[in-house]
PDB file of N, CA and C in Angstrom:
ATOM      1  N   MET A   1       0.853 -16.314 -22.173  1.00  0.00           N
ATOM      2  CA  MET A   1       1.977 -16.896 -21.471  1.00  0.00           C
ATOM      3  C   MET A   1       2.408 -16.000 -20.302  1.00  0.00           C
ATOM      4  N   THR A   2       2.535 -14.689 -20.573  1.00  0.00           N
ATOM      5  CA  THR A   2       2.954 -13.755 -19.526  1.00  0.00           C
ATOM      6  C   THR A   2       1.960 -13.748 -18.372  1.00  0.00           C
ATOM      7  N   GLN A   3       0.678 -13.791 -18.703  1.00  0.00           N
ATOM      8  CA  GLN A   3      -0.343 -13.784 -17.662  1.00  0.00           C
ATOM      9  C   GLN A   3      -0.219 -15.035 -16.788  1.00  0.00           C
ATOM     10  N   TYR A   4       0.064 -16.173 -17.401  1.00  0.00           N
ATOM     11  CA  TYR A   4       0.231 -17.412 -16.647  1.00  0.00           C
ATOM     12  C   TYR A   4       1.429 -17.305 -15.711  1.00  0.00           C
ATOM     13  N   VAL A   5       2.549 -16.781 -16.213  1.00  0.00           N
ATOM     14  CA  VAL A   5       3.745 -16.638 -15.395  1.00  0.00           C
ATOM     15  C   VAL A   5       3.468 -15.701 -14.229  1.00  0.00           C
ATOM     16  N   ASN A   6       2.787 -14.578 -14.480  1.00  0.00           N
ATOM     17  CA  ASN A   6       2.445 -13.651 -13.404  1.00  0.00           C
ATOM     18  C   ASN A   6       1.566 -14.317 -12.364  1.00  0.00           C
ATOM     19  N   SER A   7       0.614 -15.125 -12.798  1.00  0.00           N
ATOM     20  CA  SER A   7      -0.265 -15.830 -11.861  1.00  0.00           C
ATOM     21  C   SER A   7       0.520 -16.793 -10.995  1.00  0.00           C
ATOM     22  N   VAL A   8       1.445 -17.507 -11.602  1.00  0.00           N
ATOM     23  CA  VAL A   8       2.267 -18.461 -10.848  1.00  0.00           C
ATOM     24  C   VAL A   8       3.144 -17.719  -9.849  1.00  0.00           C
ATOM     25  N   LEU A   9       3.751 -16.618 -10.281  1.00  0.00           N
ATOM     26  CA  LEU A   9       4.609 -15.852  -9.386  1.00  0.00           C
ATOM     27  C   LEU A   9       3.817 -15.282  -8.214  1.00  0.00           C
ATOM     28  N   GLN A  10       2.625 -14.772  -8.489  1.00  0.00           N
ATOM     29  CA  GLN A  10       1.808 -14.225  -7.415  1.00  0.00           C
ATOM     30  C   GLN A  10       1.402 -15.313  -6.428  1.00  0.00           C
ATOM     31  N   ALA A  11       1.152 -16.500  -6.921  1.00  0.00           N
ATOM     32  CA  ALA A  11       0.767 -17.594  -6.038  1.00  0.00           C
ATOM     33  C   ALA A  11       1.917 -17.992  -5.124  1.00  0.00           C
ATOM     34  N   GLU A  12       3.157 -17.791  -5.595  1.00  0.00           N
ATOM     35  CA  GLU A  12       4.320 -18.185  -4.812  1.00  0.00           C
ATOM     36  C   GLU A  12       4.768 -17.120  -3.825  1.00  0.00           C
ATOM     37  N   ILE A  13       4.238 -15.906  -3.944  1.00  0.00           N
ATOM     38  CA  ILE A  13       4.619 -14.832  -3.028  1.00  0.00           C
ATOM     39  C   ILE A  13       4.133 -15.192  -1.629  1.00  0.00           C
ATOM     40  N   ALA A  14       5.024 -15.037  -0.682  1.00  0.00           N
ATOM     41  CA  ALA A  14       4.695 -15.404   0.694  1.00  0.00           C
ATOM     42  C   ALA A  14       3.733 -14.401   1.310  1.00  0.00           C
ATOM     43  N   TRP A  15       2.675 -14.903   1.869  1.00  0.00           N
ATOM     44  CA  TRP A  15       1.731 -14.088   2.624  1.00  0.00           C
ATOM     45  C   TRP A  15       2.132 -14.166   4.084  1.00  0.00           C
ATOM     46  N   LEU A  16       1.946 -13.085   4.799  1.00  0.00           N
ATOM     47  CA  LEU A  16       2.335 -13.017   6.196  1.00  0.00           C
ATOM     48  C   LEU A  16       1.121 -13.114   7.106  1.00  0.00           C
ATOM     49  N   SER A  17       1.299 -13.817   8.203  1.00  0.00           N
ATOM     50  CA  SER A  17       0.244 -13.872   9.220  1.00  0.00           C
ATOM     51  C   SER A  17       0.189 -12.519   9.924  1.00  0.00           C
ATOM     52  N   LEU A  18      -0.839 -12.305  10.717  1.00  0.00           N
ATOM     53  CA  LEU A  18      -0.968 -11.051  11.462  1.00  0.00           C
ATOM     54  C   LEU A  18       0.242 -10.847  12.369  1.00  0.00           C
ATOM     55  N   THR A  19       0.686 -11.885  13.030  1.00  0.00           N
ATOM     56  CA  THR A  19       1.851 -11.773  13.924  1.00  0.00           C
ATOM     57  C   THR A  19       3.102 -11.383  13.148  1.00  0.00           C
ATOM     58  N   GLU A  20       3.340 -12.051  12.022  1.00  0.00           N
ATOM     59  CA  GLU A  20       4.504 -11.724  11.190  1.00  0.00           C
ATOM     60  C   GLU A  20       4.390 -10.299  10.641  1.00  0.00           C
ATOM     61  N   PHE A  21       3.175  -9.945  10.238  1.00  0.00           N
ATOM     62  CA  PHE A  21       2.923  -8.627   9.673  1.00  0.00           C
ATOM     63  C   PHE A  21       3.246  -7.529  10.671  1.00  0.00           C
ATOM     64  N   THR A  22       2.819  -7.702  11.914  1.00  0.00           N
ATOM     65  CA  THR A  22       3.086  -6.682  12.932  1.00  0.00           C
ATOM     66  C   THR A  22       4.579  -6.588  13.232  1.00  0.00           C
ATOM     67  N   GLU A  23       5.273  -7.709  13.233  1.00  0.00           N
ATOM     68  CA  GLU A  23       6.710  -7.704  13.492  1.00  0.00           C
ATOM     69  C   GLU A  23       7.473  -6.945  12.412  1.00  0.00           C
ATOM     70  N   VAL A  24       7.105  -7.159  11.165  1.00  0.00           N
ATOM     71  CA  VAL A  24       7.825  -6.551  10.049  1.00  0.00           C
ATOM     72  C   VAL A  24       7.400  -5.106   9.807  1.00  0.00           C
ATOM     73  N   SER A  25       6.126  -4.805   9.985  1.00  0.00           N
ATOM     74  CA  SER A  25       5.619  -3.466   9.670  1.00  0.00           C
ATOM     75  C   SER A  25       5.922  -2.434  10.740  1.00  0.00           C
ATOM     76  N   GLY A  26       6.089  -2.869  11.983  1.00  0.00           N
ATOM     77  CA  GLY A  26       6.287  -1.928  13.072  1.00  0.00           C
ATOM     78  C   GLY A  26       4.985  -1.423  13.668  1.00  0.00           C
ATOM     79  N   LEU A  27       3.864  -1.901  13.149  1.00  0.00           N
ATOM     80  CA  LEU A  27       2.557  -1.549  13.693  1.00  0.00           C
ATOM     81  C   LEU A  27       2.143  -2.619  14.688  1.00  0.00           C
ATOM     82  N   ASP A  28       1.367  -2.243  15.688  1.00  0.00           N
ATOM     83  CA  ASP A  28       0.861  -3.271  16.591  1.00  0.00           C
ATOM     84  C   ASP A  28      -0.468  -3.799  16.047  1.00  0.00           C
ATOM     85  N   ALA A  29      -0.941  -4.892  16.625  1.00  0.00           N
ATOM     86  CA  ALA A  29      -2.146  -5.556  16.121  1.00  0.00           C
ATOM     87  C   ALA A  29      -3.365  -4.632  16.157  1.00  0.00           C
ATOM     88  N   ALA A  30      -3.475  -3.798  17.171  1.00  0.00           N
ATOM     89  CA  ALA A  30      -4.617  -2.871  17.260  1.00  0.00           C
ATOM     90  C   ALA A  30      -4.572  -1.857  16.119  1.00  0.00           C
ATOM     91  N   GLN A  31      -3.390  -1.365  15.801  1.00  0.00           N
ATOM     92  CA  GLN A  31      -3.253  -0.420  14.689  1.00  0.00           C
ATOM     93  C   GLN A  31      -3.611  -1.084  13.360  1.00  0.00           C
ATOM     94  N   VAL A  32      -3.160  -2.311  13.192  1.00  0.00           N
ATOM     95  CA  VAL A  32      -3.473  -3.039  11.953  1.00  0.00           C
ATOM     96  C   VAL A  32      -4.979  -3.230  11.836  1.00  0.00           C
ATOM     97  N   ARG A  33      -5.626  -3.636  12.918  1.00  0.00           N
ATOM     98  CA  ARG A  33      -7.080  -3.820  12.887  1.00  0.00           C
ATOM     99  C   ARG A  33      -7.803  -2.511  12.542  1.00  0.00           C
ATOM    100  N   GLU A  34      -7.323  -1.415  13.111  1.00  0.00           N
ATOM    101  CA  GLU A  34      -7.944  -0.118  12.843  1.00  0.00           C
ATOM    102  C   GLU A  34      -7.769   0.274  11.372  1.00  0.00           C
ATOM    103  N   LEU A  35      -6.591   0.041  10.819  1.00  0.00           N
ATOM    104  CA  LEU A  35      -6.351   0.353   9.407  1.00  0.00           C
ATOM    105  C   LEU A  35      -7.179  -0.541   8.486  1.00  0.00           C
ATOM    106  N   VAL A  36      -7.389  -1.777   8.885  1.00  0.00           N
ATOM    107  CA  VAL A  36      -8.256  -2.677   8.110  1.00  0.00           C
ATOM    108  C   VAL A  36      -9.696  -2.182   8.181  1.00  0.00           C
ATOM    109  N   ASP A  37     -10.144  -1.805   9.375  1.00  0.00           N
ATOM    110  CA  ASP A  37     -11.506  -1.286   9.542  1.00  0.00           C
ATOM    111  C   ASP A  37     -11.743  -0.030   8.713  1.00  0.00           C
ATOM    112  N   MET A  38     -10.703   0.799   8.557  1.00  0.00           N
ATOM    113  CA  MET A  38     -10.819   2.022   7.768  1.00  0.00           C
ATOM    114  C   MET A  38     -10.728   1.751   6.265  1.00  0.00           C
ATOM    115  N   GLY A  39     -10.345   0.536   5.909  1.00  0.00           N
ATOM    116  CA  GLY A  39     -10.222   0.202   4.497  1.00  0.00           C
ATOM    117  C   GLY A  39      -8.882   0.560   3.891  1.00  0.00           C
ATOM    118  N   ILE A  40      -7.916   0.907   4.714  1.00  0.00           N
ATOM    119  CA  ILE A  40      -6.585   1.262   4.225  1.00  0.00           C
ATOM    120  C   ILE A  40      -5.797   0.000   3.902  1.00  0.00           C
ATOM    121  N   LEU A  41      -5.816  -0.956   4.800  1.00  0.00           N
ATOM    122  CA  LEU A  41      -5.147  -2.236   4.571  1.00  0.00           C
ATOM    123  C   LEU A  41      -6.194  -3.285   4.223  1.00  0.00           C
ATOM    124  N   SER A  42      -5.847  -4.151   3.294  1.00  0.00           N
ATOM    125  CA  SER A  42      -6.772  -5.200   2.858  1.00  0.00           C
ATOM    126  C   SER A  42      -6.147  -6.571   3.063  1.00  0.00           C
ATOM    127  N   PRO A  43      -6.523  -7.246   4.125  1.00  0.00           N
ATOM    128  CA  PRO A  43      -5.971  -8.582   4.353  1.00  0.00           C
ATOM    129  C   PRO A  43      -6.717  -9.632   3.541  1.00  0.00           C
ATOM    130  N   GLY A  44      -6.046 -10.735   3.315  1.00  0.00           N
ATOM    131  CA  GLY A  44      -6.701 -11.916   2.789  1.00  0.00           C
ATOM    132  C   GLY A  44      -7.004 -12.820   3.969  1.00  0.00           C
ATOM    133  N   CYS A  45      -7.637 -13.924   3.711  1.00  0.00           N
ATOM    134  CA  CYS A  45      -7.899 -14.876   4.789  1.00  0.00           C
ATOM    135  C   CYS A  45      -7.222 -16.188   4.466  1.00  0.00           C
ATOM    136  N   SER A  46      -6.596 -16.754   5.462  1.00  0.00           N
ATOM    137  CA  SER A  46      -5.982 -18.066   5.284  1.00  0.00           C
ATOM    138  C   SER A  46      -7.060 -19.129   5.430  1.00  0.00           C
ATOM    139  N   GLY A  47      -6.694 -20.355   5.234  1.00  0.00           N
ATOM    140  CA  GLY A  47      -7.647 -21.453   5.339  1.00  0.00           C
ATOM    141  C   GLY A  47      -8.315 -21.542   6.692  1.00  0.00           C
ATOM    142  N   SER A  48      -7.618 -21.101   7.742  1.00  0.00           N
ATOM    143  CA  SER A  48      -8.184 -21.162   9.085  1.00  0.00           C
ATOM    144  C   SER A  48      -9.023 -19.930   9.415  1.00  0.00           C
ATOM    145  N   GLY A  49      -9.144 -19.004   8.455  1.00  0.00           N
ATOM    146  CA  GLY A  49      -9.935 -17.805   8.689  1.00  0.00           C
ATOM    147  C   GLY A  49      -9.147 -16.651   9.263  1.00  0.00           C
ATOM    148  N   ASP A  50      -7.871 -16.877   9.583  1.00  0.00           N
ATOM    149  CA  ASP A  50      -7.024 -15.809  10.096  1.00  0.00           C
ATOM    150  C   ASP A  50      -6.609 -14.885   8.953  1.00  0.00           C
ATOM    151  N   TRP A  51      -6.312 -13.643   9.303  1.00  0.00           N
ATOM    152  CA  TRP A  51      -5.852 -12.700   8.295  1.00  0.00           C
ATOM    153  C   TRP A  51      -4.462 -13.074   7.812  1.00  0.00           C
ATOM    154  N   SER A  52      -4.217 -12.788   6.547  1.00  0.00           N
ATOM    155  CA  SER A  52      -2.875 -12.875   5.992  1.00  0.00           C
ATOM    156  C   SER A  52      -2.688 -11.660   5.085  1.00  0.00           C
ATOM    157  N   PHE A  53      -1.460 -11.230   4.941  1.00  0.00           N
ATOM    158  CA  PHE A  53      -1.173  -9.992   4.228  1.00  0.00           C
ATOM    159  C   PHE A  53      -0.152 -10.239   3.131  1.00  0.00           C
ATOM    160  N   ASN A  54      -0.417  -9.648   1.960  1.00  0.00           N
ATOM    161  CA  ASN A  54       0.500  -9.812   0.843  1.00  0.00           C
ATOM    162  C   ASN A  54       1.596  -8.754   0.909  1.00  0.00           C
ATOM    163  N   PRO A  55       2.621  -8.885   0.079  1.00  0.00           N
ATOM    164  CA  PRO A  55       3.738  -7.929   0.120  1.00  0.00           C
ATOM    165  C   PRO A  55       3.337  -6.484  -0.189  1.00  0.00           C
ATOM    166  N   GLN A  56       2.352  -6.273  -1.070  1.00  0.00           N
ATOM    167  CA  GLN A  56       1.925  -4.905  -1.367  1.00  0.00           C
ATOM    168  C   GLN A  56       1.329  -4.235  -0.135  1.00  0.00           C
ATOM    169  N   THR A  57       0.576  -4.988   0.628  1.00  0.00           N
ATOM    170  CA  THR A  57      -0.010  -4.453   1.860  1.00  0.00           C
ATOM    171  C   THR A  57       1.088  -4.136   2.865  1.00  0.00           C
ATOM    172  N   MET A  58       2.122  -4.977   2.891  1.00  0.00           N
ATOM    173  CA  MET A  58       3.254  -4.726   3.784  1.00  0.00           C
ATOM    174  C   MET A  58       3.953  -3.421   3.404  1.00  0.00           C
ATOM    175  N   VAL A  59       4.136  -3.193   2.119  1.00  0.00           N
ATOM    176  CA  VAL A  59       4.774  -1.957   1.659  1.00  0.00           C
ATOM    177  C   VAL A  59       3.969  -0.748   2.129  1.00  0.00           C
ATOM    178  N   LEU A  60       2.666  -0.804   1.967  1.00  0.00           N
ATOM    179  CA  LEU A  60       1.800   0.294   2.397  1.00  0.00           C
ATOM    180  C   LEU A  60       1.908   0.517   3.902  1.00  0.00           C
ATOM    181  N   ALA A  61       1.863  -0.536   4.685  1.00  0.00           N
ATOM    182  CA  ALA A  61       1.942  -0.410   6.147  1.00  0.00           C
ATOM    183  C   ALA A  61       3.275   0.200   6.560  1.00  0.00           C
ATOM    184  N   ARG A  62       4.349  -0.220   5.920  1.00  0.00           N
ATOM    185  CA  ARG A  62       5.664   0.314   6.261  1.00  0.00           C
ATOM    186  C   ARG A  62       5.780   1.792   5.868  1.00  0.00           C
ATOM    187  N   ARG A  63       5.153   2.164   4.742  1.00  0.00           N
ATOM    188  CA  ARG A  63       5.153   3.573   4.341  1.00  0.00           C
ATOM    189  C   ARG A  63       4.411   4.427   5.357  1.00  0.00           C
ATOM    190  N   LEU A  64       3.272   3.934   5.814  1.00  0.00           N
ATOM    191  CA  LEU A  64       2.510   4.669   6.820  1.00  0.00           C
ATOM    192  C   LEU A  64       3.330   4.839   8.096  1.00  0.00           C
ATOM    193  N   ARG A  65       3.947   3.767   8.514  1.00  0.00           N
ATOM    194  CA  ARG A  65       4.751   3.813   9.741  1.00  0.00           C
ATOM    195  C   ARG A  65       5.939   4.762   9.575  1.00  0.00           C
ATOM    196  N   ARG A  66       6.595   4.683   8.426  1.00  0.00           N
ATOM    197  CA  ARG A  66       7.745   5.542   8.147  1.00  0.00           C
ATOM    198  C   ARG A  66       7.321   7.013   8.085  1.00  0.00           C
ATOM    199  N   LEU A  67       6.179   7.280   7.468  1.00  0.00           N
ATOM    200  CA  LEU A  67       5.652   8.637   7.388  1.00  0.00           C
ATOM    201  C   LEU A  67       5.423   9.198   8.787  1.00  0.00           C
ATOM    202  N   GLN A  68       4.859   8.389   9.636  1.00  0.00           N
ATOM    203  CA  GLN A  68       4.587   8.806  11.007  1.00  0.00           C
ATOM    204  C   GLN A  68       5.895   9.067  11.759  1.00  0.00           C
ATOM    205  N   GLN A  69       6.869   8.186  11.593  1.00  0.00           N
ATOM    206  CA  GLN A  69       8.142   8.338  12.300  1.00  0.00           C
ATOM    207  C   GLN A  69       8.983   9.475  11.737  1.00  0.00           C
ATOM    208  N   ASP A  70       9.110   9.548  10.403  1.00  0.00           N
ATOM    209  CA  ASP A  70       9.969  10.553   9.782  1.00  0.00           C
ATOM    210  C   ASP A  70       9.501  11.968  10.068  1.00  0.00           C
ATOM    211  N   LEU A  71       8.209  12.160  10.081  1.00  0.00           N
ATOM    212  CA  LEU A  71       7.669  13.489  10.333  1.00  0.00           C
ATOM    213  C   LEU A  71       7.414  13.728  11.808  1.00  0.00           C
ATOM    214  N   ASP A  72       7.746  12.725  12.624  1.00  0.00           N
ATOM    215  CA  ASP A  72       7.546  12.804  14.073  1.00  0.00           C
ATOM    216  C   ASP A  72       6.130  13.273  14.384  1.00  0.00           C
ATOM    217  N   LEU A  73       5.176  12.611  13.730  1.00  0.00           N
ATOM    218  CA  LEU A  73       3.778  12.982  13.872  1.00  0.00           C
ATOM    219  C   LEU A  73       3.148  12.269  15.053  1.00  0.00           C
ATOM    220  N   ASP A  74       2.429  13.007  15.822  1.00  0.00           N
ATOM    221  CA  ASP A  74       1.669  12.417  16.916  1.00  0.00           C
ATOM    222  C   ASP A  74       0.193  12.432  16.507  1.00  0.00           C
ATOM    223  N   LEU A  75      -0.076  11.795  15.367  1.00  0.00           N
ATOM    224  CA  LEU A  75      -1.431  11.763  14.821  1.00  0.00           C
ATOM    225  C   LEU A  75      -2.073  10.411  15.086  1.00  0.00           C
ATOM    226  N   ASP A  76      -3.379  10.420  15.167  1.00  0.00           N
ATOM    227  CA  ASP A  76      -4.061   9.140  15.234  1.00  0.00           C
ATOM    228  C   ASP A  76      -4.008   8.502  13.841  1.00  0.00           C
ATOM    229  N   LEU A  77      -4.333   7.243  13.768  1.00  0.00           N
ATOM    230  CA  LEU A  77      -4.224   6.520  12.502  1.00  0.00           C
ATOM    231  C   LEU A  77      -5.150   7.060  11.429  1.00  0.00           C
ATOM    232  N   GLN A  78      -6.297   7.572  11.811  1.00  0.00           N
ATOM    233  CA  GLN A  78      -7.214   8.107  10.809  1.00  0.00           C
ATOM    234  C   GLN A  78      -6.617   9.320  10.113  1.00  0.00           C
ATOM    235  N   ALA A  79      -6.004  10.204  10.862  1.00  0.00           N
ATOM    236  CA  ALA A  79      -5.379  11.386  10.266  1.00  0.00           C
ATOM    237  C   ALA A  79      -4.193  10.985   9.399  1.00  0.00           C
ATOM    238  N   LEU A  80      -3.409  10.031   9.875  1.00  0.00           N
ATOM    239  CA  LEU A  80      -2.279   9.538   9.098  1.00  0.00           C
ATOM    240  C   LEU A  80      -2.747   8.895   7.795  1.00  0.00           C
ATOM    241  N   ALA A  81      -3.785   8.083   7.872  1.00  0.00           N
ATOM    242  CA  ALA A  81      -4.325   7.425   6.680  1.00  0.00           C
ATOM    243  C   ALA A  81      -4.883   8.444   5.690  1.00  0.00           C
ATOM    244  N   LEU A  82      -5.550   9.458   6.190  1.00  0.00           N
ATOM    245  CA  LEU A  82      -6.073  10.510   5.328  1.00  0.00           C
ATOM    246  C   LEU A  82      -4.931  11.237   4.615  1.00  0.00           C
ATOM    247  N   GLY A  83      -3.895  11.580   5.354  1.00  0.00           N
ATOM    248  CA  GLY A  83      -2.737  12.229   4.755  1.00  0.00           C
ATOM    249  C   GLY A  83      -2.103  11.369   3.680  1.00  0.00           C
ATOM    250  N   TYR A  84      -1.992  10.083   3.963  1.00  0.00           N
ATOM    251  CA  TYR A  84      -1.410   9.177   2.974  1.00  0.00           C
ATOM    252  C   TYR A  84      -2.285   9.107   1.727  1.00  0.00           C
ATOM    253  N   ARG A  85      -3.589   9.004   1.911  1.00  0.00           N
ATOM    254  CA  ARG A  85      -4.498   8.968   0.759  1.00  0.00           C
ATOM    255  C   ARG A  85      -4.365  10.225  -0.090  1.00  0.00           C
ATOM    256  N   LEU A  86      -4.227  11.374   0.566  1.00  0.00           N
ATOM    257  CA  LEU A  86      -4.068  12.626  -0.165  1.00  0.00           C
ATOM    258  C   LEU A  86      -2.753  12.649  -0.947  1.00  0.00           C
ATOM    259  N   LEU A  87      -1.679  12.151  -0.337  1.00  0.00           N
ATOM    260  CA  LEU A  87      -0.402  12.076  -1.050  1.00  0.00           C
ATOM    261  C   LEU A  87      -0.498  11.147  -2.264  1.00  0.00           C
ATOM    262  N   GLU A  88      -1.186  10.020  -2.099  1.00  0.00           N
ATOM    263  CA  GLU A  88      -1.378   9.093  -3.227  1.00  0.00           C
ATOM    264  C   GLU A  88      -2.198   9.748  -4.333  1.00  0.00           C
ATOM    265  N   ARG A  89      -3.222  10.493  -3.955  1.00  0.00           N
ATOM    266  CA  ARG A  89      -4.070  11.157  -4.953  1.00  0.00           C
ATOM    267  C   ARG A  89      -3.294  12.235  -5.697  1.00  0.00           C
ATOM    268  N   ILE A  90      -2.454  12.966  -4.989  1.00  0.00           N
ATOM    269  CA  ILE A  90      -1.614  13.972  -5.637  1.00  0.00           C
ATOM    270  C   ILE A  90      -0.698  13.303  -6.664  1.00  0.00           C
ATOM    271  N   ALA A  91      -0.105  12.179  -6.305  1.00  0.00           N
ATOM    272  CA  ALA A  91       0.770  11.457  -7.239  1.00  0.00           C
ATOM    273  C   ALA A  91      -0.005  10.999  -8.470  1.00  0.00           C
ATOM    274  N   GLU A  92      -1.239  10.509  -8.270  1.00  0.00           N
ATOM    275  CA  GLU A  92      -2.077  10.086  -9.407  1.00  0.00           C
ATOM    276  C   GLU A  92      -2.376  11.265 -10.326  1.00  0.00           C
ATOM    277  N   LEU A  93      -2.738  12.407  -9.741  1.00  0.00           N
ATOM    278  CA  LEU A  93      -3.066  13.591 -10.538  1.00  0.00           C
ATOM    279  C   LEU A  93      -1.842  14.117 -11.287  1.00  0.00           C
ATOM    280  N   GLU A  94      -0.679  14.079 -10.652  1.00  0.00           N
ATOM    281  CA  GLU A  94       0.543  14.502 -11.331  1.00  0.00           C
ATOM    282  C   GLU A  94       0.848  13.598 -12.519  1.00  0.00           C
ATOM    283  N   ALA A  95       0.643  12.299 -12.355  1.00  0.00           N
ATOM    284  CA  ALA A  95       0.871  11.362 -13.459  1.00  0.00           C
ATOM    285  C   ALA A  95      -0.112  11.627 -14.600  1.00  0.00           C
ATOM    286  N   GLN A  96      -1.369  11.885 -14.271  1.00  0.00           N
ATOM    287  CA  GLN A  96      -2.356  12.207 -15.302  1.00  0.00           C
ATOM    288  C   GLN A  96      -1.980  13.489 -16.034  1.00  0.00           C
ATOM    289  N   LEU A  97      -1.512  14.476 -15.301  1.00  0.00           N
ATOM    290  CA  LEU A  97      -1.098  15.737 -15.907  1.00  0.00           C
ATOM    291  C   LEU A  97       0.077  15.526 -16.862  1.00  0.00           C
ATOM    292  N   CYS A  98       1.032  14.737 -16.459  1.00  0.00           N
ATOM    293  CA  CYS A  98       2.178  14.434 -17.334  1.00  0.00           C
ATOM    294  C   CYS A  98       1.728  13.732 -18.611  1.00  0.00           C
ATOM    295  N   ARG A  99       0.810  12.769 -18.474  1.00  0.00           N
ATOM    296  CA  ARG A  99       0.301  12.063 -19.665  1.00  0.00           C
ATOM    297  C   ARG A  99      -0.465  13.016 -20.575  1.00  0.00           C
ATOM    298  N   ALA A 100      -1.249  13.909 -19.983  1.00  0.00           N
ATOM    299  CA  ALA A 100      -2.018  14.867 -20.782  1.00  0.00           C
ATOM    300  C   ALA A 100      -1.084  15.828 -21.516  1.00  0.00           C
ATOM    301  N   ARG A 101      -0.068  16.285 -20.841  1.00  0.00           N
ATOM    302  CA  ARG A 101       0.905  17.176 -21.486  1.00  0.00           C
ATOM    303  C   ARG A 101       1.630  16.474 -22.620  1.00  0.00           C
ATOM    304  N   ALA A 102       1.995  15.218 -22.400  1.00  0.00           N
ATOM    305  CA  ALA A 102       2.696  14.457 -23.435  1.00  0.00           C
ATOM    306  C   ALA A 102       1.795  14.242 -24.648  1.00  0.00           C
ATOM    307  N   ALA A 103       0.516  14.070 -24.435  1.00  0.00           N
ATOM    308  CA  ALA A 103      -0.416  13.847 -25.543  1.00  0.00           C
ATOM    309  C   ALA A 103      -0.646  15.122 -26.341  1.00  0.00           C
ATOM    310  N   VAL A 104      -0.572  16.275 -25.701  1.00  0.00           N
ATOM    311  CA  VAL A 104      -0.832  17.552 -26.356  1.00  0.00           C
ATOM    312  C   VAL A 104       0.392  18.063 -27.106  1.00  0.00           C
ATOM    313  N   MET A 105       1.564  17.839 -26.547  1.00  0.00           N
ATOM    314  CA  MET A 105       2.782  18.345 -27.164  1.00  0.00           C
ATOM    315  C   MET A 105       3.103  17.564 -28.431  1.00  0.00           C
ATOM    316  N   PRO A 106       3.414  18.266 -29.514  1.00  0.00           N
ATOM    317  CA  PRO A 106       3.782  17.557 -30.740  1.00  0.00           C
ATOM    318  C   PRO A 106       5.131  16.862 -30.557  1.00  0.00           C
ATOM    319  N   ALA A 107       5.273  15.762 -31.233  1.00  0.00           N
ATOM    320  CA  ALA A 107       6.525  15.013 -31.158  1.00  0.00           C
ATOM    321  C   ALA A 107       7.645  15.834 -31.778  1.00  0.00           C
ATOM    322  N   LYS A 108       8.789  15.873 -31.116  1.00  0.00           N
ATOM    323  CA  LYS A 108       9.933  16.608 -31.635  1.00  0.00           C
ATOM    324  C   LYS A 108      10.655  15.778 -32.678  1.00  0.00           C
ATOM    325  N   ASP A 109      11.085  16.438 -33.740  1.00  0.00           N
ATOM    326  CA  ASP A 109      11.851  15.743 -34.771  1.00  0.00           C
ATOM    327  C   ASP A 109      13.276  15.567 -34.283  1.00  0.00           C
ATOM    328  N   ALA A 110      13.801  14.407 -34.483  1.00  0.00           N
ATOM    329  CA  ALA A 110      15.155  14.111 -34.026  1.00  0.00           C
ATOM    330  C   ALA A 110      16.181  14.641 -34.989  1.00  0.00           C
TER     331      ALA A 110
END
């Protein structure tokens, strides 16, 4: 039942066209194309063959843009994408470390 509800909800999530995506993300179309070419952003295709972007992709694009603006970085997109990937990998490793520590530590008696 839960899987069905999740499928229905995902189907109802609004996908954005490339034009809408650039307006909301703060990236221009050339930057979006470059990030897609690098494999950072993953667009879907609409019935007409045009790209469309889901909300998760929008979150990622906005994070990249915010990272660039907040740190006042004058980096090309490849360097920015690499930095973001490294930050994501660090977060994954920290989560794995926390899980490993929790598995090793004996449960405390209440």
